[in-house]
N, C-alpha and C. Protein backbone atom coordinates (compact mmCIF):
# COMPACT_ATOMS: atom_id res chain seq x y z
N UNK A 1 5.66 -24.42 -1.83
CA UNK A 1 6.03 -23.68 -3.02
C UNK A 1 5.83 -22.20 -2.74
N UNK A 2 6.70 -21.36 -3.26
CA UNK A 2 6.62 -19.92 -3.04
C UNK A 2 6.75 -19.19 -4.36
N UNK A 3 6.35 -17.94 -4.36
CA UNK A 3 6.50 -17.08 -5.54
C UNK A 3 7.74 -16.23 -5.40
N UNK A 4 8.18 -15.65 -6.49
CA UNK A 4 9.29 -14.70 -6.47
C UNK A 4 8.87 -13.47 -7.24
N UNK A 5 9.49 -12.34 -6.95
CA UNK A 5 9.14 -11.08 -7.60
C UNK A 5 9.82 -11.05 -8.96
N UNK A 6 9.03 -11.13 -10.02
CA UNK A 6 9.55 -11.17 -11.38
C UNK A 6 9.59 -9.79 -12.02
N UNK A 7 8.67 -8.91 -11.59
CA UNK A 7 8.59 -7.60 -12.23
C UNK A 7 8.03 -6.59 -11.23
N UNK A 8 8.52 -5.38 -11.33
CA UNK A 8 7.97 -4.26 -10.56
C UNK A 8 7.24 -3.35 -11.53
N UNK A 9 6.12 -2.80 -11.10
CA UNK A 9 5.35 -1.89 -11.95
C UNK A 9 5.29 -0.53 -11.27
N UNK A 10 5.59 0.52 -12.03
CA UNK A 10 5.54 1.88 -11.52
C UNK A 10 4.55 2.66 -12.38
N UNK A 11 3.56 3.27 -11.74
CA UNK A 11 2.62 4.15 -12.44
C UNK A 11 3.32 5.49 -12.68
N UNK A 12 3.26 5.98 -13.93
CA UNK A 12 3.95 7.22 -14.28
C UNK A 12 3.08 8.09 -15.16
N UNK A 13 3.41 9.36 -15.20
CA UNK A 13 2.72 10.31 -16.09
C UNK A 13 3.52 10.51 -17.36
N UNK A 14 4.82 10.73 -17.24
CA UNK A 14 5.68 11.03 -18.38
C UNK A 14 6.60 9.84 -18.66
N UNK A 15 6.16 8.99 -19.58
CA UNK A 15 6.91 7.77 -19.89
C UNK A 15 8.35 8.07 -20.31
N UNK A 16 8.54 9.08 -21.16
CA UNK A 16 9.88 9.38 -21.66
C UNK A 16 10.84 9.76 -20.55
N UNK A 17 10.45 10.72 -19.70
CA UNK A 17 11.38 11.15 -18.64
C UNK A 17 11.58 10.06 -17.59
N UNK A 18 10.52 9.32 -17.27
CA UNK A 18 10.66 8.28 -16.26
C UNK A 18 11.44 7.07 -16.78
N UNK A 19 11.28 6.72 -18.05
CA UNK A 19 12.08 5.61 -18.59
C UNK A 19 13.54 6.02 -18.65
N UNK A 20 13.80 7.27 -18.99
CA UNK A 20 15.19 7.76 -19.02
C UNK A 20 15.79 7.72 -17.61
N UNK A 21 15.05 8.25 -16.62
CA UNK A 21 15.55 8.27 -15.25
C UNK A 21 15.83 6.86 -14.73
N UNK A 22 14.82 5.98 -14.76
CA UNK A 22 14.98 4.66 -14.16
C UNK A 22 15.95 3.78 -14.94
N UNK A 23 16.00 3.91 -16.27
CA UNK A 23 16.97 3.10 -17.02
C UNK A 23 18.40 3.52 -16.68
N UNK A 24 18.64 4.83 -16.56
CA UNK A 24 19.99 5.29 -16.20
C UNK A 24 20.30 4.99 -14.74
N UNK A 25 19.32 5.14 -13.86
CA UNK A 25 19.53 4.87 -12.44
C UNK A 25 19.89 3.41 -12.20
N UNK A 26 19.23 2.50 -12.94
CA UNK A 26 19.38 1.06 -12.69
C UNK A 26 20.20 0.33 -13.75
N UNK A 27 20.68 1.05 -14.76
CA UNK A 27 21.46 0.41 -15.82
C UNK A 27 20.65 -0.58 -16.62
N UNK A 28 19.41 -0.20 -16.98
CA UNK A 28 18.52 -1.10 -17.68
C UNK A 28 18.29 -0.65 -19.12
N UNK A 29 17.75 -1.56 -19.93
CA UNK A 29 17.50 -1.33 -21.34
C UNK A 29 16.03 -0.96 -21.54
N UNK A 30 15.77 0.12 -22.28
CA UNK A 30 14.41 0.61 -22.50
C UNK A 30 13.80 -0.06 -23.72
N UNK A 31 12.56 -0.52 -23.56
CA UNK A 31 11.78 -1.05 -24.67
C UNK A 31 10.40 -0.40 -24.61
N UNK A 32 10.25 0.71 -25.37
CA UNK A 32 8.99 1.45 -25.38
C UNK A 32 7.96 0.69 -26.20
N UNK A 33 6.78 0.52 -25.62
CA UNK A 33 5.72 -0.20 -26.31
C UNK A 33 4.87 0.73 -27.17
N UNK A 34 4.13 0.15 -28.07
CA UNK A 34 3.22 0.92 -28.93
C UNK A 34 2.00 1.43 -28.17
N UNK A 35 1.78 0.89 -26.97
CA UNK A 35 0.60 1.25 -26.18
C UNK A 35 0.85 2.41 -25.22
N UNK A 36 2.02 3.03 -25.29
CA UNK A 36 2.34 4.15 -24.41
C UNK A 36 3.05 3.72 -23.14
N UNK A 37 3.15 2.44 -22.89
CA UNK A 37 3.86 1.93 -21.72
C UNK A 37 5.31 1.63 -22.11
N UNK A 38 6.10 1.23 -21.13
CA UNK A 38 7.51 0.97 -21.39
C UNK A 38 8.01 -0.13 -20.47
N UNK A 39 8.80 -1.03 -21.00
CA UNK A 39 9.42 -2.09 -20.23
C UNK A 39 10.91 -1.78 -20.10
N UNK A 40 11.45 -1.97 -18.91
CA UNK A 40 12.88 -1.85 -18.67
C UNK A 40 13.42 -3.24 -18.38
N UNK A 41 14.40 -3.63 -19.18
CA UNK A 41 15.01 -4.96 -19.04
C UNK A 41 16.42 -4.83 -18.48
N UNK A 42 16.83 -5.80 -17.65
CA UNK A 42 18.22 -5.83 -17.20
C UNK A 42 19.13 -6.09 -18.40
N UNK A 43 20.41 -5.71 -18.30
CA UNK A 43 21.34 -6.03 -19.38
C UNK A 43 21.43 -7.55 -19.57
N UNK A 44 21.83 -7.97 -20.75
CA UNK A 44 21.88 -9.41 -21.05
C UNK A 44 22.79 -10.20 -20.12
N UNK A 45 23.84 -9.56 -19.60
CA UNK A 45 24.78 -10.27 -18.73
C UNK A 45 24.36 -10.21 -17.25
N UNK A 46 23.17 -9.66 -16.96
CA UNK A 46 22.70 -9.56 -15.57
C UNK A 46 22.28 -10.93 -15.05
N UNK A 47 22.37 -11.13 -13.74
CA UNK A 47 21.89 -12.39 -13.16
C UNK A 47 20.41 -12.61 -13.46
N UNK A 48 20.01 -13.84 -13.56
CA UNK A 48 18.63 -14.19 -13.91
C UNK A 48 17.61 -13.61 -12.92
N UNK A 49 18.00 -13.42 -11.67
CA UNK A 49 17.07 -12.94 -10.66
C UNK A 49 16.74 -11.45 -10.79
N UNK A 50 17.43 -10.70 -11.63
CA UNK A 50 17.13 -9.28 -11.80
C UNK A 50 15.76 -9.10 -12.43
N UNK A 51 14.91 -8.32 -11.78
CA UNK A 51 13.55 -8.11 -12.23
C UNK A 51 13.48 -7.16 -13.42
N UNK A 52 12.39 -7.25 -14.16
CA UNK A 52 12.07 -6.24 -15.15
C UNK A 52 11.22 -5.18 -14.45
N UNK A 53 11.13 -4.00 -15.08
CA UNK A 53 10.29 -2.93 -14.54
C UNK A 53 9.35 -2.48 -15.65
N UNK A 54 8.08 -2.44 -15.33
CA UNK A 54 7.04 -2.01 -16.25
C UNK A 54 6.64 -0.60 -15.85
N UNK A 55 6.80 0.36 -16.76
CA UNK A 55 6.35 1.73 -16.52
C UNK A 55 4.99 1.87 -17.19
N UNK A 56 3.99 2.06 -16.37
CA UNK A 56 2.60 2.05 -16.82
C UNK A 56 2.03 3.48 -16.77
N UNK A 57 1.54 3.99 -17.91
CA UNK A 57 1.01 5.36 -17.90
C UNK A 57 -0.34 5.43 -17.17
N UNK A 58 -0.46 6.46 -16.33
CA UNK A 58 -1.70 6.71 -15.61
C UNK A 58 -2.02 8.20 -15.66
N UNK A 59 -3.28 8.52 -15.48
CA UNK A 59 -3.72 9.92 -15.47
C UNK A 59 -3.80 10.49 -14.05
N UNK A 60 -4.20 9.66 -13.08
CA UNK A 60 -4.44 10.17 -11.74
C UNK A 60 -3.13 10.56 -11.05
N UNK A 61 -3.17 11.57 -10.20
CA UNK A 61 -1.96 12.02 -9.50
C UNK A 61 -1.60 11.11 -8.33
N UNK A 62 -0.32 11.12 -7.97
CA UNK A 62 0.13 10.44 -6.76
C UNK A 62 -0.37 11.27 -5.58
N UNK A 63 -0.92 10.61 -4.57
CA UNK A 63 -1.52 11.37 -3.47
C UNK A 63 -0.71 11.31 -2.19
N UNK A 64 -0.28 10.15 -1.78
CA UNK A 64 0.35 9.96 -0.48
C UNK A 64 1.71 9.30 -0.63
N UNK A 65 2.39 9.18 0.51
CA UNK A 65 3.64 8.43 0.54
C UNK A 65 3.35 7.00 0.10
N UNK A 66 4.23 6.46 -0.73
CA UNK A 66 4.05 5.09 -1.22
C UNK A 66 4.12 4.09 -0.06
N UNK A 67 3.31 3.08 -0.12
CA UNK A 67 3.35 2.03 0.90
C UNK A 67 4.34 0.95 0.52
N UNK A 68 4.74 0.91 -0.73
CA UNK A 68 5.74 -0.04 -1.22
C UNK A 68 6.72 0.77 -2.06
N UNK A 69 8.00 0.62 -1.81
CA UNK A 69 8.97 1.41 -2.57
C UNK A 69 10.23 0.59 -2.83
N UNK A 70 11.08 1.11 -3.68
CA UNK A 70 12.34 0.44 -4.02
C UNK A 70 13.44 0.84 -3.04
N UNK A 71 14.27 -0.12 -2.66
CA UNK A 71 15.49 0.14 -1.88
C UNK A 71 16.65 -0.24 -2.79
N UNK A 72 17.50 0.72 -3.09
CA UNK A 72 18.63 0.50 -4.00
C UNK A 72 19.93 0.38 -3.22
N UNK A 73 20.89 -0.35 -3.80
CA UNK A 73 22.26 -0.42 -3.28
C UNK A 73 23.20 -0.11 -4.44
N UNK A 74 24.18 0.76 -4.23
CA UNK A 74 25.14 1.04 -5.30
C UNK A 74 25.96 -0.21 -5.64
N UNK A 75 26.19 -0.43 -6.94
CA UNK A 75 27.04 -1.55 -7.36
C UNK A 75 28.49 -1.28 -7.05
N UNK A 76 28.89 -0.01 -7.16
CA UNK A 76 30.27 0.36 -6.85
C UNK A 76 30.29 1.79 -6.35
N UNK A 77 31.34 2.15 -5.61
CA UNK A 77 31.43 3.49 -5.07
C UNK A 77 30.61 3.61 -3.80
N UNK A 78 30.68 4.76 -3.17
CA UNK A 78 29.99 4.98 -1.91
C UNK A 78 28.55 5.42 -2.09
N UNK A 79 27.83 5.41 -0.98
CA UNK A 79 26.42 5.78 -0.98
C UNK A 79 26.24 7.24 -1.39
N UNK A 80 27.02 8.15 -0.79
CA UNK A 80 26.86 9.58 -1.12
C UNK A 80 27.15 9.84 -2.59
N UNK A 81 28.12 9.14 -3.13
CA UNK A 81 28.42 9.28 -4.56
C UNK A 81 27.23 8.83 -5.41
N UNK A 82 26.60 7.73 -5.00
CA UNK A 82 25.43 7.23 -5.73
C UNK A 82 24.24 8.18 -5.56
N UNK A 83 24.04 8.69 -4.36
CA UNK A 83 22.96 9.66 -4.13
C UNK A 83 23.18 10.88 -5.03
N UNK A 84 24.40 11.38 -5.08
CA UNK A 84 24.71 12.53 -5.95
C UNK A 84 24.44 12.20 -7.41
N UNK A 85 24.79 10.99 -7.84
CA UNK A 85 24.54 10.58 -9.24
C UNK A 85 23.05 10.55 -9.53
N UNK A 86 22.27 9.98 -8.61
CA UNK A 86 20.82 9.90 -8.80
C UNK A 86 20.18 11.29 -8.82
N UNK A 87 20.67 12.18 -7.97
CA UNK A 87 20.17 13.56 -7.97
C UNK A 87 20.51 14.22 -9.30
N UNK A 88 21.68 13.94 -9.84
CA UNK A 88 22.06 14.45 -11.14
C UNK A 88 21.16 13.95 -12.26
N UNK A 89 20.56 12.77 -12.08
CA UNK A 89 19.64 12.21 -13.07
C UNK A 89 18.23 12.77 -12.94
N UNK A 90 17.94 13.45 -11.82
CA UNK A 90 16.61 14.02 -11.64
C UNK A 90 15.93 13.69 -10.33
N UNK A 91 16.57 12.89 -9.47
CA UNK A 91 16.00 12.58 -8.16
C UNK A 91 16.18 13.80 -7.25
N UNK A 92 15.52 13.76 -6.11
CA UNK A 92 15.65 14.81 -5.09
C UNK A 92 15.58 14.15 -3.72
N UNK A 93 16.22 14.78 -2.74
CA UNK A 93 16.12 14.29 -1.37
C UNK A 93 14.70 14.49 -0.87
N UNK A 94 14.26 13.61 0.02
CA UNK A 94 12.90 13.71 0.56
C UNK A 94 12.90 13.50 2.06
N UNK A 95 11.99 14.17 2.72
CA UNK A 95 11.81 14.01 4.16
C UNK A 95 10.49 13.29 4.40
N UNK A 96 10.58 12.07 4.89
CA UNK A 96 9.38 11.30 5.22
C UNK A 96 9.33 11.04 6.73
N UNK A 97 10.04 11.90 7.48
CA UNK A 97 10.04 11.78 8.93
C UNK A 97 11.26 11.06 9.49
N UNK A 98 12.27 10.87 8.68
CA UNK A 98 13.46 10.18 9.18
C UNK A 98 14.20 11.05 10.21
N UNK A 99 14.97 10.38 11.08
CA UNK A 99 15.67 11.06 12.18
C UNK A 99 17.11 11.41 11.84
N UNK A 100 17.66 10.79 10.80
CA UNK A 100 19.08 10.96 10.49
C UNK A 100 19.92 9.80 10.99
N UNK A 101 19.33 8.93 11.76
CA UNK A 101 20.02 7.75 12.29
C UNK A 101 19.77 6.50 11.45
N UNK A 102 18.91 6.62 10.45
CA UNK A 102 18.57 5.46 9.62
C UNK A 102 19.76 5.02 8.77
N UNK A 103 19.68 3.81 8.31
CA UNK A 103 20.71 3.26 7.44
C UNK A 103 20.36 3.41 5.97
N UNK A 104 19.70 4.50 5.62
CA UNK A 104 19.29 4.73 4.24
C UNK A 104 19.10 6.23 4.01
N UNK A 105 19.14 6.61 2.73
CA UNK A 105 18.85 7.98 2.31
C UNK A 105 17.58 7.93 1.48
N UNK A 106 16.61 8.78 1.80
CA UNK A 106 15.34 8.80 1.09
C UNK A 106 15.41 9.82 -0.05
N UNK A 107 15.03 9.36 -1.23
CA UNK A 107 14.97 10.21 -2.41
C UNK A 107 13.59 10.06 -3.05
N UNK A 108 13.27 10.95 -3.98
CA UNK A 108 12.09 10.80 -4.83
C UNK A 108 12.54 10.88 -6.28
N UNK A 109 11.86 10.13 -7.14
CA UNK A 109 12.16 10.19 -8.58
C UNK A 109 11.54 11.48 -9.15
N UNK A 110 11.71 11.75 -10.44
CA UNK A 110 11.19 13.00 -11.00
C UNK A 110 9.69 13.21 -10.85
N UNK A 111 8.92 12.17 -10.58
CA UNK A 111 7.47 12.32 -10.38
C UNK A 111 7.06 12.22 -8.92
N UNK A 112 8.04 12.23 -8.01
CA UNK A 112 7.74 12.25 -6.58
C UNK A 112 7.55 10.90 -5.92
N UNK A 113 7.90 9.81 -6.59
CA UNK A 113 7.81 8.47 -5.99
C UNK A 113 9.03 8.24 -5.11
N UNK A 114 8.78 7.90 -3.85
CA UNK A 114 9.86 7.69 -2.90
C UNK A 114 10.63 6.41 -3.21
N UNK A 115 11.93 6.46 -2.96
CA UNK A 115 12.77 5.27 -2.97
C UNK A 115 13.95 5.56 -2.05
N UNK A 116 14.66 4.52 -1.65
CA UNK A 116 15.77 4.68 -0.71
C UNK A 116 17.06 4.15 -1.32
N UNK A 117 18.16 4.72 -0.88
CA UNK A 117 19.48 4.16 -1.16
C UNK A 117 19.98 3.64 0.19
N UNK A 118 20.14 2.32 0.26
CA UNK A 118 20.57 1.69 1.51
C UNK A 118 22.06 1.92 1.73
N UNK A 119 22.44 2.17 2.99
CA UNK A 119 23.85 2.41 3.32
C UNK A 119 24.63 1.11 3.47
N UNK A 120 23.93 0.03 3.78
CA UNK A 120 24.57 -1.29 3.91
C UNK A 120 23.69 -2.33 3.25
N UNK A 121 24.29 -3.45 2.91
CA UNK A 121 23.53 -4.57 2.34
C UNK A 121 22.57 -5.10 3.41
N UNK A 122 21.30 -5.32 3.07
CA UNK A 122 20.34 -5.77 4.08
C UNK A 122 20.53 -7.22 4.53
N UNK A 123 21.41 -7.96 3.88
CA UNK A 123 21.59 -9.37 4.26
C UNK A 123 22.78 -9.55 5.15
């Protein structure tokens, strides 16, 4: 028997800006909780395997490069078009030591959390 990833949790400082960024980036539905946290749900017509995302408020600052991060693939259009769209939402390009030969583009969200846009499907 094995487990599957049901939810991803991201520690954030500004729930409003981060829920706006990630919901628009991933096409998810925002459900702000009374406790200051926020849940992002996939649209109702999404496949069952689509995870939820929990945005959890924290006080401490991000210190280092994340050891676990999200790898995104555009649903439609090209990678550069998707990178441009994400930058328009508040992401920025990041240098984590890549050579330029990688099959991904590294970005950071508005709070500096690294994530990648994959150039090809990993499967």
